[in-house]
Amino acid sequence: MNTLKNAAIKSTVKVVRVHGEGAIRRRIMDMGITRGTEIFVRKTAPLGDPIEISLRGYELSLRKADADMIEIE
């Protein structure tokens, strides 16, 4: 399974599925990360966590633990 956590910097990926349970999954989906959404991976912080992504016209910082729940193609 390929996840957003492993996506290359400056690449565009497409969300296949959001894994997780309950409130965590709902929070990720409320941020606009749903199936079919295209995400541009902008950069990572100097120590690797969080990662900065662009989607639906805005920028978002996401922890790697949360990014690991987002399956991409």
Protein backbone atom coordinates (compact mmCIF):
# COMPACT_ATOMS: atom_id res chain seq x y z
CA MET A 1 0.00 0.00 0.00
CA ASN A 2 1.40 3.37 -1.06
CA THR A 3 0.60 6.18 1.40
CA LEU A 4 0.91 9.96 1.43
CA LYS A 5 3.69 9.60 4.01
CA ASN A 6 5.90 7.96 1.35
CA ALA A 7 5.04 10.34 -1.51
CA ALA A 8 7.92 12.15 -3.20
CA ILE A 9 8.40 15.88 -2.64
CA LYS A 10 7.01 18.08 -5.45
CA SER A 11 4.80 15.31 -6.78
CA THR A 12 1.06 15.23 -7.39
CA VAL A 13 -0.84 12.21 -6.12
CA LYS A 14 -4.47 11.11 -6.06
CA VAL A 15 -6.27 9.81 -2.96
CA VAL A 16 -7.57 6.26 -3.29
CA ARG A 17 -8.83 5.68 0.25
CA VAL A 18 -8.71 7.17 3.74
CA HIS A 19 -8.02 4.53 6.39
CA GLY A 20 -8.53 4.96 10.13
CA GLU A 21 -11.37 4.81 12.58
CA GLY A 22 -13.93 7.21 13.96
CA ALA A 23 -12.92 10.76 14.84
CA ILE A 24 -9.47 10.60 13.24
CA ARG A 25 -10.88 9.53 9.87
CA ARG A 26 -13.65 12.14 10.08
CA ARG A 27 -11.10 14.91 10.88
CA ILE A 28 -8.99 13.98 7.84
CA MET A 29 -12.05 13.95 5.60
CA ASP A 30 -13.28 17.29 7.02
CA MET A 31 -9.98 18.83 5.88
CA GLY A 32 -10.98 17.99 2.30
CA ILE A 33 -8.92 14.82 1.89
CA THR A 34 -11.45 12.49 0.26
CA ARG A 35 -11.32 9.82 -2.44
CA GLY A 36 -10.33 11.25 -5.82
CA THR A 37 -8.75 14.43 -4.44
CA GLU A 38 -5.46 15.48 -6.07
CA ILE A 39 -2.76 16.48 -3.60
CA PHE A 40 0.51 18.28 -4.37
CA VAL A 41 3.26 17.45 -1.86
CA ARG A 42 5.08 20.78 -1.35
CA LYS A 43 7.77 20.07 1.25
CA THR A 44 8.62 18.54 4.61
CA ALA A 45 9.82 20.19 7.79
CA PRO A 46 13.58 20.04 8.49
CA LEU A 47 13.16 17.12 10.89
CA GLY A 48 10.70 15.37 8.56
CA ASP A 49 7.45 15.98 10.42
CA PRO A 50 5.01 17.53 9.41
CA ILE A 51 4.62 17.54 5.64
CA GLU A 52 3.10 20.45 3.76
CA ILE A 53 0.57 19.70 1.03
CA SER A 54 -1.68 21.71 -1.30
CA LEU A 55 -5.19 20.62 -2.14
CA ARG A 56 -8.45 22.25 -3.21
CA GLY A 57 -6.80 25.69 -3.37
CA TYR A 58 -5.23 25.81 0.10
CA GLU A 59 -2.11 24.65 1.93
CA LEU A 60 -2.21 22.18 4.79
CA SER A 61 0.37 20.80 7.21
CA LEU A 62 -0.20 17.19 8.11
CA ARG A 63 1.53 14.95 10.64
CA LYS A 64 3.20 11.87 9.18
CA ALA A 65 1.06 9.63 11.41
CA ASP A 66 -2.05 11.07 9.73
CA ALA A 67 -0.46 10.99 6.26
CA ASP A 68 0.19 7.27 6.75
CA MET A 69 -3.60 6.71 6.85
CA ILE A 70 -4.11 8.18 3.36
CA GLU A 71 -3.70 5.63 0.56
CA ILE A 72 -2.62 7.15 -2.77
CA GLU A 73 -1.93 6.08 -6.34
